[in-house]
Amino acid sequence: MKIGIMGYGNLGKGVELAVKAAPDMELAAVFTRRDPSSLKLQTPNVPVAASAEAEQWKDKIDVLIICGGSATDLPVQTPRYAEMFHVIDSFDTHARIPEHFANVDAAAKKGGKVAVISCGWDPGMFSLARTYANAILPDGHDYTFWGKGISQGHSDAIRRVPGVKDAKQYTIPVESALKAVRNGENPELTTRQKHTRECFVVLEEGADAAAVEKQIKEMPNYFSDYDTTVHFISEEELKRDHSAMPHGGFVIRSGKTGADKEHTHIIEYSLKLDSNPEFTTSVLTACARAAYRLASEGQTGCKTMLDIPPAYLSEKTGEELRAHLL
């Protein structure tokens, strides 16, 4: 499979590594909004082109993996390129997935292509865990915990506070809440009871630490509903101790069976990720393989990971899967 990458930030670089590790794929081209000559790829002899030139590559790329952001890039880019290529994206604004799906589905069907949206770990792998668990235990409760890990969106929100030079924010599950769920207690948990937030902040010279801390803790939609701790540290400490991008989390389904609902069952799926972008792009690359296989069967339109047979994600043959993984 010839893979194209649209965008060469953290996700684009992760896709390049994942493609390099896949024996059935090769990187055909990278597209960027920056000056193409400014990009230094890790894969030799791969052309870099301006994103405006992507249409010229319609017959040279099997699957285009779009590595833009969900806020402004993907709602525009994915429908546009779904008319030209089989495409993959990581759209993760949960509330807008139905709208995004409809837009991409219309474009992909118009172009006779397959698109797979919202690939990654949530939405994505966590979505699969929730779906399997709900099908198996229809009488039950779902719980999703994120972290411990760095939230890019919350870190960016802190950096926009006047007086902040740089910052990283960790989302941390509350251990007592996790324990209650794992014990099958089916607790009703508020936002504050499920997660805490820990912030590491570098101040601009002369900034008022108390004022910055107050603005962070009272920020609606980000911190006001959580128990939040703010640490002020040096720029050197931030780079030394908080430059990685770990993340992860847990999806738990607690359900009942039996004539009198006397038996409790717990299904738990967890992720512990050293690199959020590299794991996410490993999922994107597996979905590219699935999109290619769906297209080879004559399918068109938009799909999610809930629509893909698990075997289509794997480079192994059906015989190999049945012999070694079934």
C-alpha atoms as a PDB file:
ATOM      1  CA  MET A   1       0.000   0.000   0.000  1.00  0.00           C
ATOM      2  CA  LYS A   2       1.230   3.459  -0.885  1.00  0.00           C
ATOM      3  CA  ILE A   3       0.515   5.823   2.011  1.00  0.00           C
ATOM      4  CA  GLY A   4       0.345   9.607   1.905  1.00  0.00           C
ATOM      5  CA  ILE A   5       0.565  11.864   4.968  1.00  0.00           C
ATOM      6  CA  MET A   6      -1.268  15.191   5.115  1.00  0.00           C
ATOM      7  CA  GLY A   7       0.429  17.342   7.763  1.00  0.00           C
ATOM      8  CA  TYR A   8       3.785  16.742   9.427  1.00  0.00           C
ATOM      9  CA  GLY A   9       3.384  17.634  13.097  1.00  0.00           C
ATOM     10  CA  ASN A  10       3.466  15.140  15.961  1.00  0.00           C
ATOM     11  CA  LEU A  11       0.850  12.913  14.285  1.00  0.00           C
ATOM     12  CA  GLY A  12       2.445  13.062  10.843  1.00  0.00           C
ATOM     13  CA  LYS A  13       5.819  12.086  12.255  1.00  0.00           C
ATOM     14  CA  GLY A  14       4.185   9.220  14.147  1.00  0.00           C
ATOM     15  CA  VAL A  15       2.509   7.922  10.981  1.00  0.00           C
ATOM     16  CA  GLU A  16       5.878   7.965   9.220  1.00  0.00           C
ATOM     17  CA  LEU A  17       7.341   5.714  11.939  1.00  0.00           C
ATOM     18  CA  ALA A  18       4.334   3.368  11.869  1.00  0.00           C
ATOM     19  CA  VAL A  19       4.470   3.030   8.078  1.00  0.00           C
ATOM     20  CA  LYS A  20       8.194   2.316   8.247  1.00  0.00           C
ATOM     21  CA  ALA A  21       7.428  -0.553  10.655  1.00  0.00           C
ATOM     22  CA  ALA A  22       4.667  -2.038   8.457  1.00  0.00           C
ATOM     23  CA  PRO A  23       5.949  -4.593   5.922  1.00  0.00           C
ATOM     24  CA  ASP A  24       2.920  -4.153   3.653  1.00  0.00           C
ATOM     25  CA  MET A  25       3.184  -0.339   3.373  1.00  0.00           C
ATOM     26  CA  GLU A  26       5.461   2.313   1.948  1.00  0.00           C
ATOM     27  CA  LEU A  27       5.412   6.077   2.321  1.00  0.00           C
ATOM     28  CA  ALA A  28       4.660   7.682  -1.050  1.00  0.00           C
ATOM     29  CA  ALA A  29       4.501  11.396  -0.188  1.00  0.00           C
ATOM     30  CA  VAL A  30       4.086  13.947   2.591  1.00  0.00           C
ATOM     31  CA  PHE A  31       1.968  17.075   2.116  1.00  0.00           C
ATOM     32  CA  THR A  32       2.396  20.230   4.167  1.00  0.00           C
ATOM     33  CA  ARG A  33       1.118  23.807   4.471  1.00  0.00           C
ATOM     34  CA  ARG A  34       4.664  24.860   5.349  1.00  0.00           C
ATOM     35  CA  ASP A  35       7.479  25.367   2.862  1.00  0.00           C
ATOM     36  CA  PRO A  36       8.092  21.782   1.628  1.00  0.00           C
ATOM     37  CA  SER A  37      11.847  22.390   1.551  1.00  0.00           C
ATOM     38  CA  SER A  38      11.818  23.067   5.308  1.00  0.00           C
ATOM     39  CA  LEU A  39      10.751  19.503   6.194  1.00  0.00           C
ATOM     40  CA  LYS A  40      13.366  16.888   7.044  1.00  0.00           C
ATOM     41  CA  LEU A  41      11.792  13.409   6.896  1.00  0.00           C
ATOM     42  CA  GLN A  42      13.160  10.288   8.572  1.00  0.00           C
ATOM     43  CA  THR A  43      12.470   8.248   5.436  1.00  0.00           C
ATOM     44  CA  PRO A  44      14.901   8.842   2.559  1.00  0.00           C
ATOM     45  CA  ASN A  45      13.804   9.653  -0.980  1.00  0.00           C
ATOM     46  CA  VAL A  46      10.185  10.463  -0.109  1.00  0.00           C
ATOM     47  CA  PRO A  47       8.855  13.568  -1.876  1.00  0.00           C
ATOM     48  CA  VAL A  48       7.394  16.441   0.140  1.00  0.00           C
ATOM     49  CA  ALA A  49       4.786  18.565  -1.620  1.00  0.00           C
ATOM     50  CA  ALA A  50       2.572  21.519  -0.805  1.00  0.00           C
ATOM     51  CA  SER A  51      -0.877  20.499   0.414  1.00  0.00           C
ATOM     52  CA  ALA A  52      -2.391  22.470  -2.454  1.00  0.00           C
ATOM     53  CA  GLU A  53      -0.769  19.972  -4.861  1.00  0.00           C
ATOM     54  CA  ALA A  54      -2.350  16.855  -3.300  1.00  0.00           C
ATOM     55  CA  GLU A  55      -4.911  16.431  -6.082  1.00  0.00           C
ATOM     56  CA  GLN A  56      -2.063  15.770  -8.527  1.00  0.00           C
ATOM     57  CA  TRP A  57      -1.270  12.596  -6.546  1.00  0.00           C
ATOM     58  CA  LYS A  58      -4.693  10.970  -6.849  1.00  0.00           C
ATOM     59  CA  ASP A  59      -3.380   7.999  -8.834  1.00  0.00           C
ATOM     60  CA  LYS A  60      -0.134   7.586  -6.882  1.00  0.00           C
ATOM     61  CA  ILE A  61      -1.474   7.108  -3.326  1.00  0.00           C
ATOM     62  CA  ASP A  62      -3.679   4.292  -2.029  1.00  0.00           C
ATOM     63  CA  VAL A  63      -4.604   5.826   1.351  1.00  0.00           C
ATOM     64  CA  LEU A  64      -4.128   9.385   2.623  1.00  0.00           C
ATOM     65  CA  ILE A  65      -3.771   9.726   6.410  1.00  0.00           C
ATOM     66  CA  ILE A  66      -4.874  13.209   7.450  1.00  0.00           C
ATOM     67  CA  CYS A  67      -2.990  14.491  10.496  1.00  0.00           C
ATOM     68  CA  GLY A  68      -4.698  17.818  11.202  1.00  0.00           C
ATOM     69  CA  GLY A  69      -6.526  19.037  14.275  1.00  0.00           C
ATOM     70  CA  SER A  70     -10.161  18.335  15.064  1.00  0.00           C
ATOM     71  CA  ALA A  71     -11.133  21.936  15.818  1.00  0.00           C
ATOM     72  CA  THR A  72     -10.582  23.537  12.417  1.00  0.00           C
ATOM     73  CA  ASP A  73      -8.573  21.235  10.101  1.00  0.00           C
ATOM     74  CA  LEU A  74     -10.404  17.914   9.868  1.00  0.00           C
ATOM     75  CA  PRO A  75     -13.979  19.247   9.402  1.00  0.00           C
ATOM     76  CA  VAL A  76     -12.703  20.859   6.184  1.00  0.00           C
ATOM     77  CA  GLN A  77      -9.865  18.586   5.084  1.00  0.00           C
ATOM     78  CA  THR A  78     -11.434  15.147   5.447  1.00  0.00           C
ATOM     79  CA  PRO A  79     -14.515  15.802   3.258  1.00  0.00           C
ATOM     80  CA  ARG A  80     -12.321  17.602   0.710  1.00  0.00           C
ATOM     81  CA  TYR A  81      -9.794  14.792   0.327  1.00  0.00           C
ATOM     82  CA  ALA A  82     -12.357  11.972   0.692  1.00  0.00           C
ATOM     83  CA  GLU A  83     -13.491  12.770  -2.848  1.00  0.00           C
ATOM     84  CA  MET A  84      -9.944  12.141  -4.144  1.00  0.00           C
ATOM     85  CA  PHE A  85      -8.431   9.446  -1.905  1.00  0.00           C
ATOM     86  CA  HIS A  86      -9.297   6.719   0.551  1.00  0.00           C
ATOM     87  CA  VAL A  87      -8.705   8.670   3.769  1.00  0.00           C
ATOM     88  CA  ILE A  88      -8.155   8.195   7.521  1.00  0.00           C
ATOM     89  CA  ASP A  89      -8.534  10.817  10.247  1.00  0.00           C
ATOM     90  CA  SER A  90      -8.467  11.080  14.053  1.00  0.00           C
ATOM     91  CA  PHE A  91     -11.428  13.450  14.555  1.00  0.00           C
ATOM     92  CA  ASP A  92     -12.021  13.392  18.318  1.00  0.00           C
ATOM     93  CA  THR A  93     -14.696  15.974  19.110  1.00  0.00           C
ATOM     94  CA  HIS A  94     -17.210  13.374  20.328  1.00  0.00           C
ATOM     95  CA  ALA A  95     -20.297  15.585  20.159  1.00  0.00           C
ATOM     96  CA  ARG A  96     -19.676  16.447  16.504  1.00  0.00           C
ATOM     97  CA  ILE A  97     -18.870  12.945  15.199  1.00  0.00           C
ATOM     98  CA  PRO A  98     -22.375  12.373  13.694  1.00  0.00           C
ATOM     99  CA  GLU A  99     -22.152  15.656  11.773  1.00  0.00           C
ATOM    100  CA  HIS A 100     -18.584  14.941  10.617  1.00  0.00           C
ATOM    101  CA  PHE A 101     -19.561  11.402   9.597  1.00  0.00           C
ATOM    102  CA  ALA A 102     -22.419  12.686   7.417  1.00  0.00           C
ATOM    103  CA  ASN A 103     -20.201  15.236   5.659  1.00  0.00           C
ATOM    104  CA  VAL A 104     -17.415  12.751   4.991  1.00  0.00           C
ATOM    105  CA  ASP A 105     -19.847   9.992   3.944  1.00  0.00           C
ATOM    106  CA  ALA A 106     -21.368  12.206   1.245  1.00  0.00           C
ATOM    107  CA  ALA A 107     -17.944  13.201  -0.091  1.00  0.00           C
ATOM    108  CA  ALA A 108     -16.522   9.672  -0.072  1.00  0.00           C
ATOM    109  CA  LYS A 109     -19.549   8.230  -1.847  1.00  0.00           C
ATOM    110  CA  LYS A 110     -19.378  10.993  -4.439  1.00  0.00           C
ATOM    111  CA  GLY A 111     -15.753  10.112  -5.152  1.00  0.00           C
ATOM    112  CA  GLY A 112     -16.242   6.342  -4.865  1.00  0.00           C
ATOM    113  CA  LYS A 113     -13.804   6.198  -1.938  1.00  0.00           C
ATOM    114  CA  VAL A 114     -13.624   4.745   1.590  1.00  0.00           C
ATOM    115  CA  ALA A 115     -13.059   7.030   4.573  1.00  0.00           C
ATOM    116  CA  VAL A 116     -12.473   5.933   8.164  1.00  0.00           C
ATOM    117  CA  ILE A 117     -12.909   8.724  10.722  1.00  0.00           C
ATOM    118  CA  SER A 118     -12.307   9.117  14.463  1.00  0.00           C
ATOM    119  CA  CYS A 119      -9.492   6.559  14.610  1.00  0.00           C
ATOM    120  CA  GLY A 120      -7.227   6.501  17.641  1.00  0.00           C
ATOM    121  CA  TRP A 121      -7.783   5.460  21.239  1.00  0.00           C
ATOM    122  CA  ASP A 122     -10.724   7.620  22.326  1.00  0.00           C
ATOM    123  CA  PRO A 123     -12.585   7.667  20.059  1.00  0.00           C
ATOM    124  CA  GLY A 124     -11.260   4.434  18.576  1.00  0.00           C
ATOM    125  CA  MET A 125      -9.948   1.617  20.761  1.00  0.00           C
ATOM    126  CA  PHE A 126     -11.995   2.811  23.765  1.00  0.00           C
ATOM    127  CA  SER A 127     -15.070   2.946  21.499  1.00  0.00           C
ATOM    128  CA  LEU A 128     -14.555  -0.718  20.600  1.00  0.00           C
ATOM    129  CA  ALA A 129     -14.132  -1.639  24.274  1.00  0.00           C
ATOM    130  CA  ARG A 130     -17.375   0.147  25.192  1.00  0.00           C
ATOM    131  CA  THR A 131     -19.280  -1.458  22.302  1.00  0.00           C
ATOM    132  CA  TYR A 132     -18.116  -5.020  23.012  1.00  0.00           C
ATOM    133  CA  ALA A 133     -18.800  -4.623  26.738  1.00  0.00           C
ATOM    134  CA  ASN A 134     -22.285  -3.157  26.213  1.00  0.00           C
ATOM    135  CA  ALA A 135     -23.208  -5.985  23.849  1.00  0.00           C
ATOM    136  CA  ILE A 136     -22.050  -8.623  26.319  1.00  0.00           C
ATOM    137  CA  LEU A 137     -23.405  -6.987  29.503  1.00  0.00           C
ATOM    138  CA  PRO A 138     -26.524  -5.015  28.484  1.00  0.00           C
ATOM    139  CA  ASP A 139     -27.525  -4.535  32.137  1.00  0.00           C
ATOM    140  CA  GLY A 140     -24.699  -2.409  33.467  1.00  0.00           C
ATOM    141  CA  HIS A 141     -22.829   0.872  33.703  1.00  0.00           C
ATOM    142  CA  ASP A 142     -19.978   2.366  31.674  1.00  0.00           C
ATOM    143  CA  TYR A 143     -17.048   4.261  33.165  1.00  0.00           C
ATOM    144  CA  THR A 144     -14.237   5.947  31.264  1.00  0.00           C
ATOM    145  CA  PHE A 145     -11.182   7.348  33.024  1.00  0.00           C
ATOM    146  CA  TRP A 146      -8.377   9.233  31.276  1.00  0.00           C
ATOM    147  CA  GLY A 147      -4.785   9.494  32.478  1.00  0.00           C
ATOM    148  CA  LYS A 148      -2.478   9.834  34.095  1.00  0.00           C
ATOM    149  CA  GLY A 149      -1.379  11.812  31.086  1.00  0.00           C
ATOM    150  CA  ILE A 150      -0.803  15.183  29.508  1.00  0.00           C
ATOM    151  CA  SER A 151      -3.868  16.878  28.035  1.00  0.00           C
ATOM    152  CA  GLN A 152      -2.805  18.940  25.035  1.00  0.00           C
ATOM    153  CA  GLY A 153      -6.010  21.011  25.041  1.00  0.00           C
ATOM    154  CA  HIS A 154      -5.862  21.843  28.744  1.00  0.00           C
ATOM    155  CA  SER A 155      -2.155  22.662  28.537  1.00  0.00           C
ATOM    156  CA  ASP A 156      -2.886  25.038  25.675  1.00  0.00           C
ATOM    157  CA  ALA A 157      -5.679  26.673  27.701  1.00  0.00           C
ATOM    158  CA  ILE A 158      -3.219  27.415  30.524  1.00  0.00           C
ATOM    159  CA  ARG A 159      -0.683  28.869  28.094  1.00  0.00           C
ATOM    160  CA  ARG A 160      -3.305  31.411  27.014  1.00  0.00           C
ATOM    161  CA  VAL A 161      -3.581  32.827  30.546  1.00  0.00           C
ATOM    162  CA  PRO A 162      -1.825  36.232  30.805  1.00  0.00           C
ATOM    163  CA  GLY A 163       1.470  35.837  32.618  1.00  0.00           C
ATOM    164  CA  VAL A 164       2.048  32.196  31.593  1.00  0.00           C
ATOM    165  CA  LYS A 165       5.119  31.487  29.481  1.00  0.00           C
ATOM    166  CA  ASP A 166       4.645  27.722  29.165  1.00  0.00           C
ATOM    167  CA  ALA A 167       2.686  24.946  30.873  1.00  0.00           C
ATOM    168  CA  LYS A 168       1.753  21.269  30.922  1.00  0.00           C
ATOM    169  CA  GLN A 169      -1.378  19.805  32.515  1.00  0.00           C
ATOM    170  CA  TYR A 170      -1.897  16.217  33.675  1.00  0.00           C
ATOM    171  CA  THR A 171      -5.295  14.545  33.920  1.00  0.00           C
ATOM    172  CA  ILE A 172      -5.282  12.031  36.794  1.00  0.00           C
ATOM    173  CA  PRO A 173      -7.995   9.483  37.682  1.00  0.00           C
ATOM    174  CA  VAL A 174      -9.167   9.528  41.312  1.00  0.00           C
ATOM    175  CA  GLU A 175      -8.027   6.223  42.810  1.00  0.00           C
ATOM    176  CA  SER A 176     -11.007   5.880  45.183  1.00  0.00           C
ATOM    177  CA  ALA A 177     -13.415   6.249  42.260  1.00  0.00           C
ATOM    178  CA  LEU A 178     -11.507   3.678  40.208  1.00  0.00           C
ATOM    179  CA  LYS A 179     -11.525   1.268  43.155  1.00  0.00           C
ATOM    180  CA  ALA A 180     -15.292   1.631  43.658  1.00  0.00           C
ATOM    181  CA  VAL A 181     -15.940   0.910  39.985  1.00  0.00           C
ATOM    182  CA  ARG A 182     -13.617  -2.095  39.959  1.00  0.00           C
ATOM    183  CA  ASN A 183     -15.404  -3.434  43.043  1.00  0.00           C
ATOM    184  CA  GLY A 184     -18.695  -3.444  41.138  1.00  0.00           C
ATOM    185  CA  GLU A 185     -20.273  -0.778  43.366  1.00  0.00           C
ATOM    186  CA  ASN A 186     -21.678   1.110  40.321  1.00  0.00           C
ATOM    187  CA  PRO A 187     -21.140   4.545  41.896  1.00  0.00           C
ATOM    188  CA  GLU A 188     -22.768   7.695  40.528  1.00  0.00           C
ATOM    189  CA  LEU A 189     -19.730   9.902  39.998  1.00  0.00           C
ATOM    190  CA  THR A 190     -19.555  13.633  39.392  1.00  0.00           C
ATOM    191  CA  THR A 191     -16.893  15.175  37.167  1.00  0.00           C
ATOM    192  CA  ARG A 192     -14.912  16.242  40.245  1.00  0.00           C
ATOM    193  CA  GLN A 193     -15.072  12.742  41.742  1.00  0.00           C
ATOM    194  CA  LYS A 194     -13.600  11.034  38.653  1.00  0.00           C
ATOM    195  CA  HIS A 195     -10.504  13.103  37.817  1.00  0.00           C
ATOM    196  CA  THR A 196      -8.118  15.653  39.261  1.00  0.00           C
ATOM    197  CA  ARG A 197      -5.925  18.060  37.315  1.00  0.00           C
ATOM    198  CA  GLU A 198      -2.288  18.906  38.035  1.00  0.00           C
ATOM    199  CA  CYS A 199      -0.669  21.896  36.341  1.00  0.00           C
ATOM    200  CA  PHE A 200       3.029  22.720  35.947  1.00  0.00           C
ATOM    201  CA  VAL A 201       3.411  26.363  34.994  1.00  0.00           C
ATOM    202  CA  VAL A 202       6.310  28.581  33.927  1.00  0.00           C
ATOM    203  CA  LEU A 203       5.562  32.245  34.622  1.00  0.00           C
ATOM    204  CA  GLU A 204       6.558  35.238  32.560  1.00  0.00           C
ATOM    205  CA  GLU A 205       8.986  37.483  34.423  1.00  0.00           C
ATOM    206  CA  GLY A 206       7.103  39.699  36.840  1.00  0.00           C
ATOM    207  CA  ALA A 207       3.806  37.775  36.591  1.00  0.00           C
ATOM    208  CA  ASP A 208       1.558  37.526  39.652  1.00  0.00           C
ATOM    209  CA  ALA A 209       1.543  33.855  40.636  1.00  0.00           C
ATOM    210  CA  ALA A 210      -1.555  34.146  42.821  1.00  0.00           C
ATOM    211  CA  ALA A 211      -3.540  35.841  40.048  1.00  0.00           C
ATOM    212  CA  VAL A 212      -2.465  33.219  37.503  1.00  0.00           C
ATOM    213  CA  GLU A 213      -3.381  30.353  39.843  1.00  0.00           C
ATOM    214  CA  LYS A 214      -6.799  31.891  40.526  1.00  0.00           C
ATOM    215  CA  GLN A 215      -7.537  32.319  36.807  1.00  0.00           C
ATOM    216  CA  ILE A 216      -6.530  28.725  36.055  1.00  0.00           C
ATOM    217  CA  LYS A 217      -8.592  27.197  38.853  1.00  0.00           C
ATOM    218  CA  GLU A 218     -11.698  29.247  37.964  1.00  0.00           C
ATOM    219  CA  MET A 219     -11.508  28.614  34.195  1.00  0.00           C
ATOM    220  CA  PRO A 220     -14.923  27.287  33.058  1.00  0.00           C
ATOM    221  CA  ASN A 221     -15.105  24.065  30.990  1.00  0.00           C
ATOM    222  CA  TYR A 222     -11.474  23.290  31.864  1.00  0.00           C
ATOM    223  CA  PHE A 223     -10.671  23.513  35.592  1.00  0.00           C
ATOM    224  CA  SER A 224     -13.563  24.970  37.585  1.00  0.00           C
ATOM    225  CA  ASP A 225     -15.285  21.581  37.950  1.00  0.00           C
ATOM    226  CA  TYR A 226     -12.133  19.780  39.124  1.00  0.00           C
ATOM    227  CA  ASP A 227      -9.823  19.711  42.128  1.00  0.00           C
ATOM    228  CA  THR A 228      -6.843  21.429  40.520  1.00  0.00           C
ATOM    229  CA  THR A 229      -3.278  21.788  41.811  1.00  0.00           C
ATOM    230  CA  VAL A 230      -0.941  24.392  40.298  1.00  0.00           C
ATOM    231  CA  HIS A 231       2.857  24.107  40.594  1.00  0.00           C
ATOM    232  CA  PHE A 232       5.113  26.967  39.493  1.00  0.00           C
ATOM    233  CA  ILE A 233       8.421  25.699  38.144  1.00  0.00           C
ATOM    234  CA  SER A 234      11.318  26.911  36.001  1.00  0.00           C
ATOM    235  CA  GLU A 235      11.506  26.576  32.237  1.00  0.00           C
ATOM    236  CA  GLU A 236      14.419  24.179  32.674  1.00  0.00           C
ATOM    237  CA  GLU A 237      12.368  21.931  34.981  1.00  0.00           C
ATOM    238  CA  LEU A 238       9.470  21.883  32.526  1.00  0.00           C
ATOM    239  CA  LYS A 239      11.723  20.818  29.656  1.00  0.00           C
ATOM    240  CA  ARG A 240      13.580  18.274  31.796  1.00  0.00           C
ATOM    241  CA  ASP A 241      10.634  16.636  33.559  1.00  0.00           C
ATOM    242  CA  HIS A 242       7.579  17.245  31.373  1.00  0.00           C
ATOM    243  CA  SER A 243       8.682  17.105  27.722  1.00  0.00           C
ATOM    244  CA  ALA A 244       7.285  13.626  26.991  1.00  0.00           C
ATOM    245  CA  MET A 245       3.682  13.038  25.918  1.00  0.00           C
ATOM    246  CA  PRO A 246       2.380  10.098  27.985  1.00  0.00           C
ATOM    247  CA  HIS A 247      -1.299   9.314  28.301  1.00  0.00           C
ATOM    248  CA  GLY A 248      -3.724   6.433  28.679  1.00  0.00           C
ATOM    249  CA  GLY A 249      -6.787   5.473  30.625  1.00  0.00           C
ATOM    250  CA  PHE A 250      -9.404   2.862  31.448  1.00  0.00           C
ATOM    251  CA  VAL A 251     -12.764   1.782  30.050  1.00  0.00           C
ATOM    252  CA  ILE A 252     -14.750  -0.265  32.558  1.00  0.00           C
ATOM    253  CA  ARG A 253     -18.153  -1.934  32.217  1.00  0.00           C
ATOM    254  CA  SER A 254     -19.780  -3.256  35.366  1.00  0.00           C
ATOM    255  CA  GLY A 255     -22.766  -5.490  34.606  1.00  0.00           C
ATOM    256  CA  LYS A 256     -25.180  -7.968  36.138  1.00  0.00           C
ATOM    257  CA  THR A 257     -26.480 -11.366  35.020  1.00  0.00           C
ATOM    258  CA  GLY A 258     -28.674 -14.023  36.594  1.00  0.00           C
ATOM    259  CA  ALA A 259     -32.405 -14.397  37.262  1.00  0.00           C
ATOM    260  CA  ASP A 260     -32.132 -12.017  40.214  1.00  0.00           C
ATOM    261  CA  LYS A 261     -29.135 -10.060  38.886  1.00  0.00           C
ATOM    262  CA  GLU A 262     -27.095 -11.785  41.569  1.00  0.00           C
ATOM    263  CA  HIS A 263     -23.836 -12.058  39.595  1.00  0.00           C
ATOM    264  CA  THR A 264     -21.565  -9.073  38.925  1.00  0.00           C
ATOM    265  CA  HIS A 265     -19.052  -8.991  36.063  1.00  0.00           C
ATOM    266  CA  ILE A 266     -16.351  -6.421  35.376  1.00  0.00           C
ATOM    267  CA  ILE A 267     -14.846  -5.832  31.933  1.00  0.00           C
ATOM    268  CA  GLU A 268     -11.803  -3.536  31.913  1.00  0.00           C
ATOM    269  CA  TYR A 269      -9.663  -2.278  29.040  1.00  0.00           C
ATOM    270  CA  SER A 270      -6.666  -0.102  29.845  1.00  0.00           C
ATOM    271  CA  LEU A 271      -3.923   1.757  28.003  1.00  0.00           C
ATOM    272  CA  LYS A 272      -0.601   3.038  29.368  1.00  0.00           C
ATOM    273  CA  LEU A 273       1.089   5.087  26.660  1.00  0.00           C
ATOM    274  CA  ASP A 274       4.615   6.516  26.642  1.00  0.00           C
ATOM    275  CA  SER A 275       3.744   8.556  23.533  1.00  0.00           C
ATOM    276  CA  ASN A 276       0.172   9.567  22.872  1.00  0.00           C
ATOM    277  CA  PRO A 277       0.840  10.633  19.223  1.00  0.00           C
ATOM    278  CA  GLU A 278       2.866   7.544  18.336  1.00  0.00           C
ATOM    279  CA  PHE A 279       0.210   5.185  19.693  1.00  0.00           C
ATOM    280  CA  THR A 280      -2.574   7.152  17.989  1.00  0.00           C
ATOM    281  CA  THR A 281      -0.797   7.006  14.647  1.00  0.00           C
ATOM    282  CA  SER A 282      -0.214   3.272  15.008  1.00  0.00           C
ATOM    283  CA  VAL A 283      -4.016   2.959  15.142  1.00  0.00           C
ATOM    284  CA  LEU A 284      -4.404   5.286  12.138  1.00  0.00           C
ATOM    285  CA  THR A 285      -1.997   3.160  10.123  1.00  0.00           C
ATOM    286  CA  ALA A 286      -3.822  -0.083  10.951  1.00  0.00           C
ATOM    287  CA  CYS A 287      -7.061   1.607   9.856  1.00  0.00           C
ATOM    288  CA  ALA A 288      -5.410   2.579   6.566  1.00  0.00           C
ATOM    289  CA  ARG A 289      -4.862  -1.122   5.917  1.00  0.00           C
ATOM    290  CA  ALA A 290      -8.537  -1.793   6.661  1.00  0.00           C
ATOM    291  CA  ALA A 291      -9.719   1.020   4.384  1.00  0.00           C
ATOM    292  CA  TYR A 292      -7.639  -0.396   1.535  1.00  0.00           C
ATOM    293  CA  ARG A 293      -9.184  -3.841   2.029  1.00  0.00           C
ATOM    294  CA  LEU A 294     -12.730  -2.465   2.220  1.00  0.00           C
ATOM    295  CA  ALA A 295     -12.111  -0.511  -0.977  1.00  0.00           C
ATOM    296  CA  SER A 296     -10.787  -3.624  -2.718  1.00  0.00           C
ATOM    297  CA  GLU A 297     -14.194  -5.207  -2.028  1.00  0.00           C
ATOM    298  CA  GLY A 298     -15.942  -2.318  -3.755  1.00  0.00           C
ATOM    299  CA  GLN A 299     -17.189  -0.566  -0.631  1.00  0.00           C
ATOM    300  CA  THR A 300     -17.502   3.224  -0.497  1.00  0.00           C
ATOM    301  CA  GLY A 301     -18.522   5.858   2.036  1.00  0.00           C
ATOM    302  CA  CYS A 302     -17.573   6.698   5.597  1.00  0.00           C
ATOM    303  CA  LYS A 303     -16.786   4.129   8.288  1.00  0.00           C
ATOM    304  CA  THR A 304     -15.647   4.164  11.910  1.00  0.00           C
ATOM    305  CA  MET A 305     -13.668   1.545  13.804  1.00  0.00           C
ATOM    306  CA  LEU A 306     -17.010   0.067  14.903  1.00  0.00           C
ATOM    307  CA  ASP A 307     -17.675  -0.892  11.259  1.00  0.00           C
ATOM    308  CA  ILE A 308     -14.341  -2.600  10.566  1.00  0.00           C
ATOM    309  CA  PRO A 309     -13.875  -6.377  10.995  1.00  0.00           C
ATOM    310  CA  PRO A 310     -10.926  -6.853  13.382  1.00  0.00           C
ATOM    311  CA  ALA A 311      -9.099  -9.059  10.883  1.00  0.00           C
ATOM    312  CA  TYR A 312      -8.966  -6.177   8.386  1.00  0.00           C
ATOM    313  CA  LEU A 313      -6.731  -4.174  10.747  1.00  0.00           C
ATOM    314  CA  SER A 314      -4.029  -6.836  10.835  1.00  0.00           C
ATOM    315  CA  GLU A 315      -1.253  -7.490   8.347  1.00  0.00           C
ATOM    316  CA  LYS A 316      -1.650 -11.219   9.084  1.00  0.00           C
ATOM    317  CA  THR A 317      -3.724 -13.508   6.877  1.00  0.00           C
ATOM    318  CA  GLY A 318      -6.917 -15.094   8.094  1.00  0.00           C
ATOM    319  CA  GLU A 319      -5.096 -18.409   8.433  1.00  0.00           C
ATOM    320  CA  GLU A 320      -2.374 -16.833  10.572  1.00  0.00           C
ATOM    321  CA  LEU A 321      -4.903 -15.064  12.800  1.00  0.00           C
ATOM    322  CA  ARG A 322      -6.875 -18.247  13.391  1.00  0.00           C
ATOM    323  CA  ALA A 323      -3.712 -20.215  14.165  1.00  0.00           C
ATOM    324  CA  HIS A 324      -2.043 -17.727  16.506  1.00  0.00           C
ATOM    325  CA  LEU A 325      -4.489 -15.123  17.863  1.00  0.00           C
ATOM    326  CA  LEU A 326      -7.897 -16.802  17.935  1.00  0.00           C
END
